[in-house]
Protein backbone atom coordinates (compact mmCIF):
# COMPACT_ATOMS: atom_id res chain seq x y z
CA MET A 1 101.74 109.01 97.83
CA ASN A 2 104.01 108.55 94.83
CA GLU A 3 102.58 107.14 91.77
CA ARG A 4 105.61 104.71 91.35
CA CYS A 5 108.40 103.44 93.38
CA SER A 6 111.76 105.61 93.07
CA SER A 7 114.02 102.47 92.99
CA CYS A 8 112.06 99.77 91.27
CA ASN A 9 109.60 101.72 89.25
CA THR A 10 106.61 99.65 90.61
CA LYS A 11 103.12 101.16 89.97
CA TYR A 12 101.50 101.54 93.32
CA LYS A 13 97.97 101.82 92.05
CA ILE A 14 97.44 98.36 90.41
CA GLU A 15 93.68 98.59 90.25
CA PRO A 16 91.19 101.27 91.20
CA SER A 17 90.13 99.41 94.32
CA PHE A 18 93.55 97.69 95.22
CA PHE A 19 94.08 99.63 98.24
CA TYR A 20 90.49 99.13 99.67
CA GLY A 21 92.19 95.72 100.83
CA ALA A 22 94.55 97.76 103.00
CA MET A 23 91.40 98.82 104.98
CA TYR A 24 90.82 95.19 105.82
CA VAL A 25 94.56 95.04 106.92
CA SER A 26 94.51 98.14 108.89
CA TYR A 27 91.94 96.75 111.32
CA PRO A 28 94.19 94.21 112.87
CA VAL A 29 97.11 96.71 112.73
CA GLY A 30 95.05 99.28 114.77
CA ILE A 31 93.91 96.64 117.23
CA ILE A 32 97.56 96.03 117.85
CA PHE A 33 98.31 99.70 118.65
CA ALA A 34 95.00 99.97 120.69
CA SER A 35 95.78 96.74 122.71
CA THR A 36 99.39 98.11 123.29
CA ALA A 37 97.98 101.27 124.55
CA PHE A 38 95.55 99.56 126.68
CA ILE A 39 98.20 97.22 128.28
CA LEU A 40 100.42 100.07 128.93
CA SER A 41 98.03 102.52 130.59
CA TYR A 42 95.66 100.28 132.34
CA LEU A 43 97.42 97.10 133.20
CA LEU A 44 100.85 98.41 133.70
CA LEU A 45 100.25 102.03 134.90
CA GLY A 46 97.02 101.35 136.69
CA ILE A 47 95.09 104.28 135.17
CA ASN A 48 91.36 104.13 135.28
CA LEU A 49 89.13 103.21 132.18
CA ILE A 50 87.92 106.64 131.28
CA PRO A 51 91.47 108.15 130.91
CA THR A 52 92.70 104.86 129.39
CA TYR A 53 89.98 105.18 126.67
CA CYS A 54 90.99 108.60 126.16
CA ILE A 55 94.72 107.66 125.88
CA ILE A 56 93.61 105.01 123.25
CA VAL A 57 91.69 107.48 121.21
CA VAL A 58 94.67 109.83 121.07
CA VAL A 59 97.16 106.97 120.39
CA MET A 60 95.02 105.87 117.44
CA ILE A 61 94.64 109.47 116.07
CA VAL A 62 98.41 110.21 116.39
CA SER A 63 99.50 106.86 114.94
CA LEU A 64 96.89 106.83 111.91
CA PRO A 65 99.59 107.75 109.43
CA ILE A 66 101.83 104.90 110.56
CA ILE A 67 98.99 102.46 110.79
CA LEU A 68 98.12 103.27 106.99
CA ARG A 69 101.55 102.97 105.80
CA ILE A 70 102.21 99.59 107.49
CA SER A 71 98.85 98.35 106.35
CA ARG A 72 99.67 99.17 102.83
CA ASN A 73 102.97 97.69 103.00
CA ILE A 74 101.35 94.54 104.56
CA TRP A 75 98.82 94.34 101.87
CA ILE A 76 101.16 95.05 98.79
CA ASN A 77 103.39 92.28 99.91
CA PHE A 78 100.69 89.75 99.51
CA PHE A 79 100.67 90.44 95.63
CA MET A 80 104.08 91.64 94.89
CA SER A 81 107.49 89.93 95.61
CA TYR A 82 110.75 91.61 96.27
CA LYS A 83 114.30 90.64 96.39
């Protein structure tokens, strides 16, 4: 991750534990991804529970970088305002 924003020069690491808060935001974001995978595989496609669980695990592993970036963006927008 870059130390500063390339367009506005905002320092990303505000304090040593600032991004620990992003972990709390990443939990509900991950729940949204897992719920979507469950709804698509189990309810819409009718796949059994064990393969559905495996699909959810694969979706969570593959989407981990996306979840981390989304949660960091949500967390930083609680404290910084942009035009």
